[in-house]
Amino acid sequence: MDVSIIIVNYNVKYFLSQCLKSLESARKAMSIEIFVVDNHSSDDSIEYLKPLFPYVHFIENKENTGFSRANNQAIKLAKGKYILLLNPDTIVGENTLQNVCLYMDEHSKTGGVGVKMINGKGLFLPESKRGFPSPWNSFCKMFGLSRLFPYSGIFAKYHVKYLDKEKIHQVEVLAGAFMMMRKETLDKIGLLDEDFFMYGEDVDLSYRVVKGGYNNIYLPEKIIHYKGESTKKDLKYIKTFYQSMFIFLKKHYPNYGYFYNFLIKFAIYFHALISSHKRIKKDAPKKIYSRNILIIGNEEECKKISGLFLPSLIKCEQFDFHDDILTINEKLHLKTYTDLVFITGKTKYEDIISSMEALCDMQLNYWIYNSWNETLISSNNAIAKG
């Protein structure tokens, strides 16, 4: 077995179905097994997904066991040379897994690999490559020094913006949204620490990879990570996230003084307060606006897709896409569009990902229409027929 892919699901069946569909090209080219560990979803995820993906190994938990424990359940069953921890709200290009595995085959000291992640707006996610949240790095991040000096090798080691995102780099931390691990590395350093219920477990695992004598590598292979559709960003999330940072600091940096730890804790809680205020403000009801939608498809597809939106709000136009991003750009500049819809099946996932990244400055709402199950997916929404 080449790769064992492990996905932990909680109430995101449409995002997960899209993710699994994007992996089908890799299944044709490599020996792959896929585990979906469902943490007691209430949206009938298992009942929905099982008929669509009969080759997937489903593990149904009777409670939400947390991210680390759920991953460990599947890792213990995995037979792959490599283990891929993958978020359900991701889309993987047709050749991404092959390219990552090829790199690891050629670099035996590489214990883990992360990739270039873009969000649902086409923007680069800085957590694709990070430094350890040491007391100093955490201090610089929490008190804004990394923001003031974003390309400094002293003050900005948390998100390491000074490392070119288009090049291969040895990094400290890999993101758990896409984390390819060598099985022999996990056998040596151990599985995910189950003290981390959610968040921080990828940082801890990355730390132990380096301490175990291996390298963590960032590869500029592109995937979409909608970032957060698998998690609700509320006060409970904020508390859990920062508690995870406390666990990491206590575990790996136990000898720092009381006063320094107090400063870090103060900054963390202050940041949590600001974040919760922003979240509440962001979740306030938004005004419905008139949409001007460009669908990369033919007239028949346009009619079918527009029926999933609110028809009274839409001025819809179709456009045939032939893998030519320049043509799309030219079309987009003719009028002011609010939304752009790609159709899977006729357009490769790699082309969708590249197009979204290339057009990220257009400030569009991007949708992906999955014709096989008639769903529309965007960065913050999933619409299904019926």
Protein backbone atom coordinates (compact mmCIF):
# COMPACT_ATOMS: atom_id res chain seq x y z
CA MET A 1 0.00 0.00 0.00
CA ASP A 2 1.44 3.39 -1.02
CA VAL A 3 -0.69 5.80 0.99
CA SER A 4 -3.26 5.56 3.77
CA ILE A 5 -5.45 8.67 3.78
CA ILE A 6 -7.20 9.53 7.05
CA ILE A 7 -10.01 12.08 7.23
CA VAL A 8 -11.86 13.04 10.40
CA ASN A 9 -15.41 14.19 9.73
CA TYR A 10 -17.88 16.15 11.81
CA ASN A 11 -21.06 17.41 10.12
CA VAL A 12 -19.58 18.40 6.73
CA LYS A 13 -20.84 15.65 4.44
CA TYR A 14 -21.00 17.78 1.26
CA PHE A 15 -17.50 19.19 1.71
CA LEU A 16 -16.21 15.69 2.46
CA SER A 17 -17.93 14.19 -0.58
CA GLN A 18 -16.19 16.78 -2.76
CA CYS A 19 -12.86 16.01 -1.08
CA LEU A 20 -13.25 12.26 -1.65
CA LYS A 21 -14.19 12.83 -5.29
CA SER A 22 -11.01 14.87 -5.82
CA LEU A 23 -8.96 11.89 -4.61
CA GLU A 24 -10.31 9.49 -7.24
CA SER A 25 -7.65 10.34 -9.85
CA ALA A 26 -4.93 9.51 -7.33
CA ARG A 27 -6.63 6.16 -6.61
CA LYS A 28 -6.28 5.23 -10.28
CA ALA A 29 -2.55 5.90 -10.31
CA MET A 30 -1.49 4.64 -6.86
CA SER A 31 -2.29 2.03 -4.27
CA ILE A 32 -4.42 4.00 -1.78
CA GLU A 33 -6.71 3.21 1.11
CA ILE A 34 -8.99 5.83 2.63
CA PHE A 35 -10.34 5.97 6.17
CA VAL A 36 -13.12 8.33 7.23
CA VAL A 37 -13.51 8.58 10.99
CA ASP A 38 -16.85 10.15 11.82
CA ASN A 39 -16.98 11.86 15.21
CA HIS A 40 -20.68 11.32 15.86
CA SER A 41 -22.02 13.67 13.18
CA SER A 42 -25.68 14.67 13.36
CA ASP A 43 -26.10 15.37 9.61
CA ASP A 44 -26.38 11.69 8.52
CA SER A 45 -22.89 11.84 7.04
CA ILE A 46 -22.29 8.09 7.07
CA GLU A 47 -25.66 7.24 5.53
CA TYR A 48 -25.06 9.80 2.80
CA LEU A 49 -21.44 8.92 2.00
CA LYS A 50 -21.37 5.11 2.18
CA PRO A 51 -23.33 4.46 -1.04
CA LEU A 52 -21.32 7.09 -2.92
CA PHE A 53 -17.89 5.81 -1.83
CA PRO A 54 -18.11 2.05 -1.18
CA TYR A 55 -14.31 1.66 -1.20
CA VAL A 56 -13.84 3.96 1.81
CA HIS A 57 -13.33 2.44 5.26
CA PHE A 58 -15.77 4.20 7.59
CA ILE A 59 -15.25 4.28 11.36
CA GLU A 60 -18.31 5.48 13.28
CA ASN A 61 -17.66 6.89 16.74
CA LYS A 62 -20.51 7.13 19.23
CA GLU A 63 -19.17 10.42 20.58
CA ASN A 64 -16.91 13.25 19.47
CA THR A 65 -13.56 11.81 20.52
CA GLY A 66 -11.51 14.74 19.23
CA PHE A 67 -9.15 15.08 16.28
CA SER A 68 -6.11 13.29 17.72
CA ARG A 69 -7.87 10.21 19.02
CA ALA A 70 -9.93 9.84 15.83
CA ASN A 71 -6.80 9.98 13.66
CA ASN A 72 -5.02 7.48 15.89
CA GLN A 73 -7.90 5.02 15.50
CA ALA A 74 -7.29 4.88 11.76
CA ILE A 75 -3.48 5.07 11.90
CA LYS A 76 -3.46 1.84 13.93
CA LEU A 77 -5.31 0.14 11.05
CA ALA A 78 -3.38 1.76 8.21
CA LYS A 79 -1.15 -0.31 5.93
CA GLY A 80 0.38 2.47 3.83
CA LYS A 81 4.05 3.35 3.53
CA TYR A 82 2.89 6.93 3.99
CA ILE A 83 0.08 8.30 6.16
CA LEU A 84 -1.81 11.39 4.98
CA LEU A 85 -3.82 13.34 7.54
CA LEU A 86 -6.32 15.33 5.48
CA ASN A 87 -9.13 17.73 6.40
CA PRO A 88 -12.60 17.06 4.97
CA ASP A 89 -12.90 20.65 3.69
CA THR A 90 -10.05 20.30 1.18
CA ILE A 91 -9.70 19.68 -2.57
CA VAL A 92 -6.61 17.86 -3.81
CA GLY A 93 -5.27 18.16 -7.36
CA GLU A 94 -5.03 15.12 -9.63
CA ASN A 95 -1.22 14.81 -9.35
CA THR A 96 -0.61 16.18 -5.87
CA LEU A 97 -0.31 12.88 -3.99
CA GLN A 98 1.99 11.37 -6.61
CA ASN A 99 4.30 14.39 -6.52
CA VAL A 100 4.46 14.42 -2.72
CA CYS A 101 5.17 10.69 -2.53
CA LEU A 102 7.83 10.96 -5.22
CA TYR A 103 9.60 13.65 -3.19
CA MET A 104 9.48 11.52 -0.05
CA ASP A 105 10.74 8.47 -1.96
CA GLU A 106 13.78 10.48 -3.03
CA HIS A 107 14.46 12.09 0.38
CA SER A 108 14.65 9.45 3.09
CA LYS A 109 15.27 11.98 5.90
CA THR A 110 11.93 13.67 5.21
CA GLY A 111 9.55 12.64 7.97
CA GLY A 112 6.63 14.85 6.95
CA VAL A 113 5.50 17.01 4.03
CA GLY A 114 3.03 19.89 3.88
CA VAL A 115 1.77 21.73 0.80
CA LYS A 116 0.74 25.15 -0.42
CA MET A 117 -2.84 25.74 0.71
CA ILE A 118 -5.20 28.37 -0.66
CA ASN A 119 -8.58 29.20 0.83
CA GLY A 120 -11.98 29.36 -0.84
CA LYS A 121 -11.16 32.86 -2.13
CA GLY A 122 -7.95 31.75 -3.81
CA LEU A 123 -5.69 33.38 -1.21
CA PHE A 124 -2.56 31.75 0.19
CA LEU A 125 -2.93 30.42 3.73
CA PRO A 126 0.15 31.38 5.78
CA GLU A 127 -0.23 28.35 8.07
CA SER A 128 0.99 26.26 5.11
CA LYS A 129 4.50 26.88 6.49
CA ARG A 130 5.16 27.85 10.08
CA GLY A 131 7.70 27.94 12.86
CA PHE A 132 7.28 26.42 16.30
CA PRO A 133 5.15 28.51 18.70
CA SER A 134 8.04 28.89 21.11
CA PRO A 135 7.55 31.46 23.89
CA TRP A 136 9.43 34.05 21.82
CA ASN A 137 7.61 33.32 18.54
CA SER A 138 4.27 33.31 20.36
CA PHE A 139 5.14 36.58 22.09
CA CYS A 140 5.99 38.25 18.75
CA LYS A 141 2.78 37.00 17.18
CA MET A 142 0.46 37.91 20.05
CA PHE A 143 1.88 41.40 20.55
CA GLY A 144 1.98 42.24 16.84
CA LEU A 145 5.75 42.27 16.26
CA SER A 146 5.42 39.69 13.49
CA ARG A 147 2.80 41.89 11.83
CA LEU A 148 5.02 44.97 12.08
CA PHE A 149 8.04 43.12 10.70
CA PRO A 150 6.47 40.40 8.50
CA TYR A 151 9.68 39.43 6.72
CA SER A 152 12.01 39.50 9.69
CA GLY A 153 13.97 36.38 10.56
CA ILE A 154 13.81 37.44 14.22
CA PHE A 155 10.25 38.71 14.77
CA ALA A 156 8.29 36.77 12.13
CA LYS A 157 9.32 33.16 12.65
CA TYR A 158 5.76 32.03 13.34
CA HIS A 159 4.49 32.28 9.74
CA VAL A 160 7.96 32.56 8.12
CA LYS A 161 6.80 34.91 5.36
CA TYR A 162 10.44 35.47 4.45
CA LEU A 163 10.41 31.96 2.90
CA ASP A 164 9.22 32.06 -0.72
CA LYS A 165 5.87 30.22 -0.91
CA GLU A 166 6.67 29.10 -4.47
CA LYS A 167 9.80 27.17 -3.47
CA ILE A 168 10.63 24.03 -1.49
CA HIS A 169 11.71 24.72 2.09
CA GLN A 170 12.62 22.85 5.22
CA VAL A 171 10.19 24.14 7.85
CA GLU A 172 9.33 23.45 11.47
CA VAL A 173 5.54 23.03 11.49
CA LEU A 174 3.21 21.30 9.03
CA ALA A 175 -0.52 21.95 8.96
CA GLY A 176 -2.82 19.10 9.99
CA ALA A 177 -5.13 19.96 7.09
CA PHE A 178 -2.64 18.17 4.80
CA MET A 179 0.14 16.34 6.58
CA MET A 180 1.89 13.49 4.77
CA MET A 181 3.89 11.40 7.22
CA ARG A 182 6.32 8.54 6.74
CA LYS A 183 4.90 5.51 8.57
CA GLU A 184 8.32 4.59 9.96
CA THR A 185 8.56 8.09 11.43
CA LEU A 186 5.29 7.64 13.32
CA ASP A 187 6.46 4.22 14.52
CA LYS A 188 9.52 5.92 16.00
CA ILE A 189 8.05 9.13 17.49
CA GLY A 190 4.58 7.89 18.40
CA LEU A 191 1.08 8.85 17.29
CA LEU A 192 -0.84 12.08 17.87
CA ASP A 193 -0.95 13.27 21.49
CA GLU A 194 -4.53 12.76 22.65
CA ASP A 195 -4.19 15.49 25.29
CA PHE A 196 -4.89 17.80 22.34
CA PHE A 197 -8.63 17.46 21.72
CA MET A 198 -8.56 19.76 18.71
CA TYR A 199 -5.85 22.15 17.43
CA GLY A 200 -2.18 22.06 18.37
CA GLU A 201 -1.77 18.33 17.70
CA ASP A 202 -0.15 19.05 14.32
CA VAL A 203 2.31 21.45 15.96
CA ASP A 204 3.17 18.89 18.62
CA LEU A 205 3.59 16.13 16.02
CA SER A 206 5.77 18.38 13.84
CA TYR A 207 7.93 19.16 16.88
CA ARG A 208 8.44 15.46 17.61
CA VAL A 209 9.30 14.75 13.94
CA VAL A 210 12.18 17.22 14.14
CA LYS A 211 13.28 15.97 17.56
CA GLY A 212 13.23 12.45 16.12
CA GLY A 213 15.91 13.40 13.57
CA TYR A 214 13.69 13.89 10.52
CA ASN A 215 12.92 16.93 8.36
CA ASN A 216 9.58 18.62 7.77
CA ILE A 217 9.32 19.89 4.20
CA TYR A 218 7.04 22.45 2.56
CA LEU A 219 6.27 21.70 -1.11
CA PRO A 220 4.50 24.29 -3.31
CA GLU A 221 1.92 21.71 -4.47
CA LYS A 222 -1.46 23.48 -4.41
CA ILE A 223 -4.64 22.34 -2.68
CA ILE A 224 -7.79 24.17 -1.56
CA HIS A 225 -8.48 24.28 2.15
CA TYR A 226 -11.74 26.03 2.85
CA LYS A 227 -10.37 26.53 6.37
CA GLY A 228 -13.00 26.23 9.01
CA GLU A 229 -15.96 24.56 7.33
CA SER A 230 -15.12 21.50 9.40
CA THR A 231 -15.19 23.62 12.55
CA LYS A 232 -17.53 26.23 13.95
CA LYS A 233 -15.57 29.34 14.95
CA ASP A 234 -17.33 30.32 18.18
CA LEU A 235 -16.22 31.09 21.74
CA LYS A 236 -15.80 27.38 22.45
CA TYR A 237 -13.46 27.11 19.44
CA ILE A 238 -11.38 30.08 20.61
CA LYS A 239 -11.05 28.63 24.10
CA THR A 240 -10.08 25.19 22.75
CA PHE A 241 -7.52 26.67 20.34
CA TYR A 242 -5.69 28.68 22.98
CA GLN A 243 -5.85 25.91 25.56
CA SER A 244 -4.02 23.77 23.01
CA MET A 245 -1.27 26.38 22.81
CA PHE A 246 -0.97 26.23 26.60
CA ILE A 247 -0.60 22.45 26.46
CA PHE A 248 2.16 22.75 23.86
CA LEU A 249 4.10 25.38 25.82
CA LYS A 250 3.79 23.45 29.06
CA LYS A 251 4.89 20.20 27.39
CA HIS A 252 7.87 21.43 25.40
CA TYR A 253 8.94 24.68 27.14
CA PRO A 254 8.44 23.94 30.86
CA ASN A 255 11.37 25.95 32.21
CA TYR A 256 10.31 29.49 31.32
CA GLY A 257 9.68 31.89 34.18
CA TYR A 258 6.32 32.82 35.68
CA PHE A 259 6.40 36.42 34.50
CA TYR A 260 7.13 35.50 30.87
CA ASN A 261 4.38 32.89 30.88
CA PHE A 262 2.04 35.46 32.38
CA LEU A 263 2.70 37.81 29.47
CA ILE A 264 1.99 35.07 26.96
CA LYS A 265 -1.24 34.10 28.72
CA PHE A 266 -2.36 37.70 28.94
CA ALA A 267 -1.76 38.17 25.21
CA ILE A 268 -3.58 34.94 24.38
CA TYR A 269 -6.72 35.85 26.33
CA PHE A 270 -6.68 39.39 24.97
CA HIS A 271 -6.42 37.98 21.45
CA ALA A 272 -9.25 35.55 22.20
CA LEU A 273 -11.46 38.44 23.34
CA ILE A 274 -10.78 40.39 20.12
CA SER A 275 -11.29 37.29 17.98
CA SER A 276 -14.64 36.51 19.60
CA HIS A 277 -15.80 40.10 19.05
CA LYS A 278 -14.82 39.88 15.37
CA ARG A 279 -16.58 36.54 15.03
CA ILE A 280 -19.82 37.84 16.56
CA LYS A 281 -19.67 40.86 14.26
CA LYS A 282 -18.94 38.66 11.25
CA ASP A 283 -21.85 36.34 12.04
CA ALA A 284 -24.34 39.22 12.05
CA PRO A 285 -27.01 38.94 9.32
CA LYS A 286 -25.82 40.23 5.97
CA LYS A 287 -27.87 42.05 3.39
CA ILE A 288 -28.85 40.02 0.36
CA TYR A 289 -27.34 41.55 -2.74
CA SER A 290 -28.06 41.09 -6.41
CA ARG A 291 -25.73 38.55 -7.98
CA ASN A 292 -24.15 38.54 -11.39
CA ILE A 293 -22.93 35.00 -11.88
CA LEU A 294 -20.54 33.64 -14.49
CA ILE A 295 -20.79 29.88 -14.96
CA ILE A 296 -17.98 28.08 -16.74
CA GLY A 297 -20.29 25.79 -18.69
CA ASN A 298 -22.89 25.54 -21.44
CA GLU A 299 -26.48 26.81 -21.50
CA GLU A 300 -28.02 23.59 -20.17
CA GLU A 301 -25.60 23.48 -17.25
CA CYS A 302 -26.24 27.15 -16.56
CA LYS A 303 -29.98 26.55 -16.17
CA LYS A 304 -29.46 23.59 -13.86
CA ILE A 305 -26.99 25.41 -11.63
CA SER A 306 -28.94 28.66 -11.45
CA GLY A 307 -31.87 26.68 -10.08
CA LEU A 308 -29.84 25.96 -6.95
CA PHE A 309 -29.39 29.67 -6.28
CA LEU A 310 -32.24 32.09 -5.56
CA PRO A 311 -33.50 32.72 -9.13
CA SER A 312 -34.90 36.17 -8.39
CA LEU A 313 -31.46 37.43 -7.38
CA ILE A 314 -29.50 36.19 -10.35
CA LYS A 315 -28.37 37.52 -13.64
CA CYS A 316 -26.66 34.44 -15.01
CA GLU A 317 -24.32 34.03 -17.97
CA GLN A 318 -22.49 30.96 -19.18
CA PHE A 319 -19.05 30.62 -20.66
CA ASP A 320 -17.28 27.56 -22.03
CA PHE A 321 -13.93 26.96 -20.38
CA HIS A 322 -11.05 25.35 -22.27
CA ASP A 323 -8.29 25.50 -19.65
CA ASP A 324 -7.45 29.06 -20.70
CA ILE A 325 -7.15 31.33 -17.67
CA LEU A 326 -6.35 34.35 -19.85
CA THR A 327 -9.69 33.99 -21.64
CA ILE A 328 -11.51 33.86 -18.31
CA ASN A 329 -9.66 36.93 -17.10
CA GLU A 330 -10.64 38.78 -20.26
CA LYS A 331 -14.28 37.78 -19.85
CA LEU A 332 -14.34 38.76 -16.17
CA HIS A 333 -13.10 42.26 -16.92
CA LEU A 334 -15.93 42.90 -19.37
CA LYS A 335 -18.51 43.13 -16.59
CA THR A 336 -18.73 43.21 -12.82
CA TYR A 337 -19.35 39.67 -11.66
CA THR A 338 -20.02 38.70 -8.07
CA ASP A 339 -19.73 34.92 -8.42
CA LEU A 340 -17.80 32.46 -10.57
CA VAL A 341 -18.91 28.82 -10.86
CA PHE A 342 -16.66 25.95 -11.97
CA ILE A 343 -18.06 22.55 -12.95
CA THR A 344 -16.22 19.39 -11.95
CA GLY A 345 -15.92 16.61 -14.48
CA LYS A 346 -15.32 18.94 -17.41
CA THR A 347 -12.65 20.94 -15.58
CA LYS A 348 -9.75 19.34 -13.70
CA TYR A 349 -9.41 20.05 -10.01
CA GLU A 350 -5.86 21.27 -10.63
CA ASP A 351 -7.18 23.83 -13.15
CA ILE A 352 -9.88 24.98 -10.73
CA ILE A 353 -7.30 25.46 -7.97
CA SER A 354 -4.90 27.33 -10.28
CA SER A 355 -7.70 29.53 -11.65
CA MET A 356 -8.92 30.50 -8.18
CA GLU A 357 -5.39 31.41 -7.15
CA ALA A 358 -4.73 33.39 -10.34
CA LEU A 359 -8.00 35.34 -9.97
CA CYS A 360 -7.81 35.92 -6.20
CA ASP A 361 -7.55 39.71 -6.66
CA MET A 362 -10.95 39.79 -8.38
CA GLN A 363 -12.71 39.43 -4.99
CA LEU A 364 -15.22 36.95 -6.37
CA ASN A 365 -17.31 34.34 -4.60
CA TYR A 366 -16.09 31.03 -6.01
CA TRP A 367 -18.41 28.05 -6.33
CA ILE A 368 -17.72 24.50 -7.45
CA TYR A 369 -20.63 22.58 -8.93
CA ASN A 370 -20.38 18.82 -8.50
CA SER A 371 -22.62 17.40 -11.20
CA TRP A 372 -22.39 13.83 -9.88
CA ASN A 373 -24.29 14.70 -6.67
CA GLU A 374 -25.70 18.10 -7.72
CA THR A 375 -24.13 20.22 -5.00
CA LEU A 376 -22.71 23.73 -5.03
CA ILE A 377 -19.78 24.36 -2.69
CA SER A 378 -18.27 27.72 -1.73
CA SER A 379 -15.95 28.89 1.02
CA ASN A 380 -18.80 29.23 3.52
CA ASN A 381 -21.75 27.40 2.04
CA ALA A 382 -22.95 24.10 0.60
CA ILE A 383 -26.16 23.93 -1.42
CA ALA A 384 -27.67 20.59 -2.38
CA LYS A 385 -30.53 19.83 -4.72
CA GLY A 386 -33.77 19.36 -2.81
